[in-house]
């Protein structure tokens, strides 16, 4: 064991805990004990582009929590999904003195830079989407999201059981670490090299269609394709058809949409990995409201309050959502949608699932 390293880790953890406590103490000073932040305003910042409709479900969760906890929340994102633009949005969030900031972490170094003003003003921070490690390193009170490597690996284990040992990972966001984690998890499960198996595709489904068709013509032995988003998966399906491979490949995707559910029902896609995006929008806002209301940075206190809140329970029950609460994180996924359990999510796909 490296004792110096362990000591530094303990000191770093203590420093982050102290920072969170100071942040909450500063931000909560103007609140009375009965308020759930009725006069405060939060901001949620995501890396999702305007064209990426998957984020609409996150926003639905955000809006429902805003209503349930009586706190206004602004949603901001870079229109093209550019992380540099997201950094500037975070800098603007600090300048506007929000009472709480919720953000995704597509690139740790860049988001760390963007949060400089948030940290300097001791504004409470929570993170969503992807795995919790980066959020915790940034000093987040709580993280709500899907551990992406583990999700990719679980998907790969399903593929391995079906006899798959090579694949193409269609990565539509090469600057987003969580997407690489998905590819790597899948590759590790089936024993493939994730870098050699990954295509930088861009977001446009039409371009993805062309690239996938070309790849399959030059790599005819490809057994499987993993898409990392529902819009991109539809481009993959069209590319597979163009290459004359319809019905001959094992296809899977992350995330849901009505079109994805139809493709699962028809047998074109084996399964979709559902990270329950509604939970990322809803629980992060609910948790921030509880933290402000109760003047706490203790994740155990916040999680206990989430579990006991009747409005939270009603939302989860209505949409059939099941978060996993573990310490300072809330895992929103993965769950797997197949032909066998399709009916459960069809009613709310694209809006609440």
Protein backbone atom coordinates (compact mmCIF):
# COMPACT_ATOMS: atom_id res chain seq x y z
CA UNK A 1 0.00 0.00 0.00
CA UNK A 2 1.18 3.51 -0.80
CA UNK A 3 0.70 5.26 2.53
CA UNK A 4 1.50 8.70 1.14
CA UNK A 5 -1.06 8.20 -1.60
CA UNK A 6 -3.67 7.04 0.91
CA UNK A 7 -2.98 10.05 3.10
CA UNK A 8 -3.33 12.42 0.18
CA UNK A 9 -6.60 10.73 -0.79
CA UNK A 10 -7.97 11.16 2.74
CA UNK A 11 -6.92 14.80 2.84
CA UNK A 12 -8.48 15.39 -0.62
CA UNK A 13 -11.74 13.78 0.47
CA UNK A 14 -11.79 15.86 3.65
CA UNK A 15 -11.14 19.01 1.65
CA UNK A 16 -13.98 18.25 -0.76
CA UNK A 17 -16.34 17.53 2.14
CA UNK A 18 -15.38 20.77 3.82
CA UNK A 19 -15.81 22.67 0.55
CA UNK A 20 -19.31 21.26 0.10
CA UNK A 21 -20.22 22.20 3.67
CA UNK A 22 -18.93 25.76 3.22
CA UNK A 23 -20.74 26.01 -0.12
CA UNK A 24 -24.04 25.00 1.39
CA UNK A 25 -23.60 27.22 4.41
CA UNK A 26 -22.99 30.23 2.15
CA UNK A 27 -25.81 29.44 -0.25
CA UNK A 28 -28.32 28.67 2.49
CA UNK A 29 -27.72 31.83 4.50
CA UNK A 30 -30.65 33.71 2.98
CA UNK A 31 -33.19 30.90 3.42
CA UNK A 32 -35.58 30.43 6.29
CA UNK A 33 -35.97 26.97 7.78
CA UNK A 34 -39.41 26.32 6.29
CA UNK A 35 -38.58 27.21 2.68
CA UNK A 36 -37.86 24.55 0.07
CA UNK A 37 -36.06 27.22 -1.97
CA UNK A 38 -39.21 28.94 -3.22
CA UNK A 39 -37.30 32.17 -3.85
CA UNK A 40 -34.18 30.50 -5.24
CA UNK A 41 -33.39 29.37 -8.79
CA UNK A 42 -31.33 26.42 -9.98
CA UNK A 43 -29.74 25.76 -13.35
CA UNK A 44 -29.23 22.46 -15.15
CA UNK A 45 -26.46 22.46 -17.77
CA UNK A 46 -26.12 19.52 -20.17
CA UNK A 47 -23.86 18.69 -23.11
CA UNK A 48 -26.85 17.59 -25.21
CA UNK A 49 -27.22 19.36 -28.55
CA UNK A 50 -30.53 20.89 -29.65
CA UNK A 51 -30.96 18.09 -32.19
CA UNK A 52 -30.59 15.33 -29.58
CA UNK A 53 -34.19 14.65 -28.54
CA UNK A 54 -33.13 12.14 -25.88
CA UNK A 55 -32.59 15.06 -23.51
CA UNK A 56 -36.29 15.94 -23.68
CA UNK A 57 -36.97 13.16 -21.17
CA UNK A 58 -34.36 14.59 -18.79
CA UNK A 59 -36.03 17.99 -19.13
CA UNK A 60 -39.44 16.47 -18.38
CA UNK A 61 -38.05 15.10 -15.13
CA UNK A 62 -36.48 18.46 -14.32
CA UNK A 63 -39.78 20.28 -14.88
CA UNK A 64 -41.78 17.82 -12.77
CA UNK A 65 -39.35 18.18 -9.86
CA UNK A 66 -39.46 21.97 -10.28
CA UNK A 67 -43.23 21.75 -9.81
CA UNK A 68 -43.16 19.22 -6.96
CA UNK A 69 -40.54 21.13 -4.96
CA UNK A 70 -41.64 24.66 -5.86
CA UNK A 71 -38.30 25.86 -7.22
CA UNK A 72 -37.66 27.32 -10.70
CA UNK A 73 -34.99 25.61 -12.78
CA UNK A 74 -33.38 26.87 -15.99
CA UNK A 75 -32.13 24.39 -18.58
CA UNK A 76 -29.13 25.42 -20.65
CA UNK A 77 -27.07 23.54 -23.23
CA UNK A 78 -24.68 24.21 -26.12
CA UNK A 79 -26.86 24.17 -29.29
CA UNK A 80 -24.37 22.02 -31.23
CA UNK A 81 -23.19 19.97 -28.25
CA UNK A 82 -19.79 21.69 -28.22
CA UNK A 83 -18.07 21.22 -24.85
CA UNK A 84 -16.26 24.55 -25.17
CA UNK A 85 -19.63 26.29 -25.38
CA UNK A 86 -20.76 24.33 -22.33
CA UNK A 87 -17.78 25.69 -20.39
CA UNK A 88 -18.91 29.22 -21.19
CA UNK A 89 -22.46 28.40 -20.07
CA UNK A 90 -21.11 27.19 -16.71
CA UNK A 91 -19.08 30.37 -16.35
CA UNK A 92 -22.24 32.39 -17.03
CA UNK A 93 -24.12 30.30 -14.45
CA UNK A 94 -21.66 31.38 -11.77
CA UNK A 95 -22.04 35.02 -12.81
CA UNK A 96 -25.83 34.76 -12.44
CA UNK A 97 -25.51 33.54 -8.83
CA UNK A 98 -27.78 30.52 -9.06
CA UNK A 99 -28.59 28.86 -5.74
CA UNK A 100 -27.61 25.47 -7.15
CA UNK A 101 -25.89 24.12 -10.26
CA UNK A 102 -26.58 20.71 -11.82
CA UNK A 103 -24.30 19.67 -14.68
CA UNK A 104 -23.15 16.80 -16.83
CA UNK A 105 -19.42 16.05 -17.08
CA UNK A 106 -18.63 15.09 -20.70
CA UNK A 107 -14.97 16.08 -20.29
CA UNK A 108 -13.52 16.36 -16.79
CA UNK A 109 -10.74 18.87 -17.46
CA UNK A 110 -12.94 21.25 -19.43
CA UNK A 111 -15.87 21.09 -17.01
CA UNK A 112 -13.50 21.58 -14.07
CA UNK A 113 -12.37 24.79 -15.74
CA UNK A 114 -15.94 25.91 -16.37
CA UNK A 115 -16.86 25.36 -12.71
CA UNK A 116 -14.13 27.68 -11.41
CA UNK A 117 -16.62 30.46 -10.70
CA UNK A 118 -19.14 28.07 -9.16
CA UNK A 119 -16.51 26.84 -6.71
CA UNK A 120 -15.26 30.36 -5.96
CA UNK A 121 -18.80 31.43 -5.02
CA UNK A 122 -19.44 28.22 -3.05
CA UNK A 123 -22.54 27.39 -5.09
CA UNK A 124 -23.84 23.87 -4.31
CA UNK A 125 -23.12 21.42 -7.14
CA UNK A 126 -24.71 18.16 -8.28
CA UNK A 127 -23.84 16.10 -11.34
CA UNK A 128 -25.91 13.89 -13.63
CA UNK A 129 -25.48 11.45 -16.52
CA UNK A 130 -22.57 9.07 -16.86
CA UNK A 131 -20.63 7.63 -13.96
CA UNK A 132 -20.18 9.27 -10.55
CA UNK A 133 -16.37 9.38 -10.30
CA UNK A 134 -15.84 12.70 -12.09
CA UNK A 135 -18.72 14.34 -10.27
CA UNK A 136 -17.28 13.35 -6.91
CA UNK A 137 -13.85 14.67 -7.91
CA UNK A 138 -15.48 17.99 -8.79
CA UNK A 139 -16.99 18.23 -5.31
CA UNK A 140 -20.57 17.30 -6.18
CA UNK A 141 -22.87 16.66 -3.24
CA UNK A 142 -24.68 13.90 -5.13
CA UNK A 143 -24.52 12.24 -8.55
CA UNK A 144 -27.46 10.80 -10.47
CA UNK A 145 -26.59 8.72 -13.50
CA UNK A 146 -25.57 5.45 -15.04
CA UNK A 147 -22.12 3.90 -14.49
CA UNK A 148 -21.27 3.76 -18.18
CA UNK A 149 -18.42 1.24 -18.28
CA UNK A 150 -20.47 -1.20 -16.21
CA UNK A 151 -23.48 -0.66 -18.48
CA UNK A 152 -21.40 -1.34 -21.57
CA UNK A 153 -19.91 -4.43 -19.99
CA UNK A 154 -23.32 -5.79 -19.02
CA UNK A 155 -24.46 -5.27 -22.61
CA UNK A 156 -21.34 -7.02 -23.88
CA UNK A 157 -21.97 -9.98 -21.61
CA UNK A 158 -25.38 -10.41 -23.21
CA UNK A 159 -23.76 -10.30 -26.64
CA UNK A 160 -21.05 -12.77 -25.61
CA UNK A 161 -23.72 -15.22 -24.47
CA UNK A 162 -25.15 -14.95 -27.99
CA UNK A 163 -21.79 -15.91 -29.52
CA UNK A 164 -20.48 -12.44 -30.38
CA UNK A 165 -16.70 -11.88 -30.31
CA UNK A 166 -16.26 -8.82 -32.57
CA UNK A 167 -18.28 -5.64 -33.07
CA UNK A 168 -18.42 -2.06 -34.28
CA UNK A 169 -19.10 0.66 -31.71
CA UNK A 170 -20.67 3.74 -33.35
CA UNK A 171 -19.50 6.66 -31.19
CA UNK A 172 -21.39 9.87 -31.98
CA UNK A 173 -19.50 12.00 -29.40
CA UNK A 174 -15.77 11.38 -29.54
CA UNK A 175 -15.07 14.10 -26.94
CA UNK A 176 -17.44 12.55 -24.38
CA UNK A 177 -15.66 10.11 -22.06
CA UNK A 178 -18.85 8.32 -21.03
CA UNK A 179 -19.40 7.12 -24.61
CA UNK A 180 -15.88 5.68 -24.80
CA UNK A 181 -16.59 3.94 -21.49
CA UNK A 182 -19.62 2.27 -23.04
CA UNK A 183 -17.58 1.02 -25.98
CA UNK A 184 -14.76 -0.22 -23.74
CA UNK A 185 -17.10 -2.06 -21.39
CA UNK A 186 -18.75 -3.89 -24.29
CA UNK A 187 -15.36 -4.69 -25.87
CA UNK A 188 -13.89 -6.00 -22.62
CA UNK A 189 -16.85 -8.30 -22.13
CA UNK A 190 -16.47 -9.97 -25.54
CA UNK A 191 -12.65 -9.84 -25.62
CA UNK A 192 -12.24 -7.19 -28.36
CA UNK A 193 -9.99 -4.13 -28.70
CA UNK A 194 -12.32 -1.19 -28.10
CA UNK A 195 -10.17 1.38 -29.91
CA UNK A 196 -9.94 -0.70 -33.08
CA UNK A 197 -13.66 -1.45 -32.80
CA UNK A 198 -14.88 2.14 -32.46
CA UNK A 199 -15.97 4.52 -35.22
CA UNK A 200 -16.06 8.31 -34.75
CA UNK A 201 -19.40 8.80 -36.47
CA UNK A 202 -20.70 12.25 -35.56
CA UNK A 203 -24.35 12.79 -34.58
CA UNK A 204 -26.06 13.07 -37.97
CA UNK A 205 -28.00 9.83 -38.63
CA UNK A 206 -27.66 10.31 -42.42
CA UNK A 207 -23.87 10.45 -42.19
CA UNK A 208 -23.90 7.50 -39.80
CA UNK A 209 -25.93 5.53 -42.34
CA UNK A 210 -23.28 6.14 -45.00
CA UNK A 211 -20.33 5.39 -42.70
CA UNK A 212 -21.83 2.18 -41.33
CA UNK A 213 -22.68 0.88 -44.80
CA UNK A 214 -19.13 1.59 -45.99
CA UNK A 215 -17.63 -0.04 -42.91
CA UNK A 216 -19.68 -3.22 -43.33
CA UNK A 217 -18.69 -3.52 -47.00
CA UNK A 218 -15.01 -3.37 -46.02
CA UNK A 219 -15.44 -5.49 -42.86
CA UNK A 220 -17.85 -8.26 -43.96
CA UNK A 221 -17.07 -10.45 -40.94
CA UNK A 222 -18.53 -7.93 -38.46
CA UNK A 223 -20.91 -9.74 -36.11
CA UNK A 224 -22.48 -6.94 -34.07
CA UNK A 225 -22.98 -3.19 -33.87
CA UNK A 226 -23.45 -1.15 -30.71
CA UNK A 227 -25.06 2.28 -31.11
CA UNK A 228 -24.74 4.77 -28.26
CA UNK A 229 -27.96 6.73 -28.78
CA UNK A 230 -31.43 6.17 -30.27
CA UNK A 231 -31.22 8.69 -33.13
CA UNK A 232 -27.85 7.28 -34.14
CA UNK A 233 -29.19 3.73 -33.91
CA UNK A 234 -31.74 4.51 -36.61
CA UNK A 235 -28.90 5.67 -38.88
CA UNK A 236 -27.13 2.39 -38.09
CA UNK A 237 -30.20 0.39 -39.10
CA UNK A 238 -30.41 2.16 -42.44
CA UNK A 239 -26.68 1.62 -43.02
CA UNK A 240 -27.07 -2.09 -42.27
CA UNK A 241 -29.87 -2.28 -44.82
CA UNK A 242 -27.80 -0.42 -47.42
CA UNK A 243 -24.97 -2.90 -46.95
CA UNK A 244 -27.32 -5.84 -47.50
CA UNK A 245 -26.87 -7.04 -43.91
CA UNK A 246 -30.43 -6.69 -42.60
CA UNK A 247 -31.23 -9.54 -40.22
CA UNK A 248 -27.63 -10.81 -40.30
CA UNK A 249 -26.08 -8.75 -37.47
CA UNK A 250 -26.55 -8.52 -33.72
CA UNK A 251 -27.63 -4.92 -33.03
CA UNK A 252 -28.00 -3.14 -29.69
CA UNK A 253 -28.28 0.46 -28.58
CA UNK A 254 -28.18 2.67 -25.56
CA UNK A 255 -31.34 4.61 -24.68
CA UNK A 256 -34.91 4.61 -25.86
CA UNK A 257 -37.26 6.28 -28.31
CA UNK A 258 -40.56 5.16 -29.89
CA UNK A 259 -38.64 4.14 -33.04
CA UNK A 260 -36.21 2.05 -30.99
CA UNK A 261 -39.08 0.22 -29.31
CA UNK A 262 -40.57 -0.56 -32.73
CA UNK A 263 -37.19 -1.91 -33.87
CA UNK A 264 -36.95 -4.12 -30.78
CA UNK A 265 -40.50 -5.37 -31.36
CA UNK A 266 -39.71 -6.24 -34.98
CA UNK A 267 -36.49 -8.02 -34.01
CA UNK A 268 -34.16 -5.55 -35.76
CA UNK A 269 -32.54 -4.60 -32.44
CA UNK A 270 -31.81 -7.20 -29.77
CA UNK A 271 -32.09 -4.84 -26.81
CA UNK A 272 -31.73 -1.26 -25.61
CA UNK A 273 -29.91 -0.18 -22.46
CA UNK A 274 -32.23 2.11 -20.53
CA UNK A 275 -30.56 4.61 -18.19
CA UNK A 276 -33.94 6.03 -17.12
CA UNK A 277 -33.14 9.64 -18.09
CA UNK A 278 -36.24 11.00 -16.36
CA UNK A 279 -34.58 10.10 -13.06
CA UNK A 280 -31.52 12.17 -13.92
CA UNK A 281 -33.66 15.27 -14.40
CA UNK A 282 -36.12 14.65 -11.59
CA UNK A 283 -33.97 13.30 -8.77
CA UNK A 284 -31.13 15.80 -9.24
CA UNK A 285 -33.51 18.76 -8.90
CA UNK A 286 -35.37 17.08 -6.03
CA UNK A 287 -32.09 16.36 -4.26
CA UNK A 288 -30.86 19.93 -4.70
CA UNK A 289 -34.16 21.29 -3.35
CA UNK A 290 -33.87 19.00 -0.32
CA UNK A 291 -30.26 20.05 0.27
CA UNK A 292 -31.25 23.72 0.18
CA UNK A 293 -34.38 23.22 2.26
CA UNK A 294 -32.62 21.19 4.94
CA UNK A 295 -29.32 23.11 4.71
CA UNK A 296 -27.30 19.92 4.31
CA UNK A 297 -24.48 18.50 2.21
CA UNK A 298 -24.93 15.01 3.66
CA UNK A 299 -25.83 12.62 0.81
CA UNK A 300 -27.21 10.06 3.27
CA UNK A 301 -29.67 12.66 4.59
CA UNK A 302 -30.67 13.68 1.07
CA UNK A 303 -31.15 10.08 -0.10
CA UNK A 304 -33.26 9.28 2.98
CA UNK A 305 -35.42 12.32 2.26
CA UNK A 306 -35.84 11.27 -1.39
CA UNK A 307 -36.89 7.78 -0.33
CA UNK A 308 -39.49 9.06 2.13
CA UNK A 309 -40.96 11.86 0.00
CA UNK A 310 -44.49 11.02 -1.15
CA UNK A 311 -44.30 13.15 -4.31
CA UNK A 312 -41.08 11.41 -5.37
CA UNK A 313 -42.65 8.00 -4.71
CA UNK A 314 -45.72 8.92 -6.75
CA UNK A 315 -43.63 9.95 -9.78
CA UNK A 316 -41.52 6.77 -9.67
CA UNK A 317 -44.56 4.57 -9.30
CA UNK A 318 -46.46 6.27 -12.12
CA UNK A 319 -43.70 5.77 -14.68
CA UNK A 320 -42.37 2.44 -13.43
CA UNK A 321 -38.92 3.84 -12.57
CA UNK A 322 -36.46 2.19 -10.20
CA UNK A 323 -33.39 4.10 -9.00
CA UNK A 324 -30.66 2.38 -7.00
CA UNK A 325 -29.47 4.45 -4.05
CA UNK A 326 -25.85 3.87 -3.05
CA UNK A 327 -24.07 6.32 -0.76
CA UNK A 328 -23.35 9.58 -2.57
CA UNK A 329 -24.72 8.34 -5.90
CA UNK A 330 -28.05 7.36 -7.37
CA UNK A 331 -27.76 4.84 -10.21
CA UNK A 332 -30.43 5.44 -12.84
CA UNK A 333 -29.37 2.42 -14.91
CA UNK A 334 -28.65 0.17 -16.59
CA UNK A 335 -31.83 -1.73 -17.20
CA UNK A 336 -32.42 -3.69 -20.39
CA UNK A 337 -35.44 -3.43 -22.67
CA UNK A 338 -36.11 -6.50 -24.82
CA UNK A 339 -39.11 -7.95 -26.64
CA UNK A 340 -40.01 -9.74 -23.41
CA UNK A 341 -40.50 -6.60 -21.29
CA UNK A 342 -41.28 -4.11 -24.04
CA UNK A 343 -44.88 -3.43 -23.07
CA UNK A 344 -43.88 -2.04 -19.69
CA UNK A 345 -42.08 0.97 -21.18
CA UNK A 346 -43.93 1.55 -24.46
CA UNK A 347 -46.52 3.88 -22.96
CA UNK A 348 -43.96 6.42 -21.73
CA UNK A 349 -41.03 6.02 -24.15
CA UNK A 350 -39.62 9.32 -25.34
CA UNK A 351 -41.36 11.29 -22.60
CA UNK A 352 -40.76 9.65 -19.23
CA UNK A 353 -38.69 6.55 -20.14
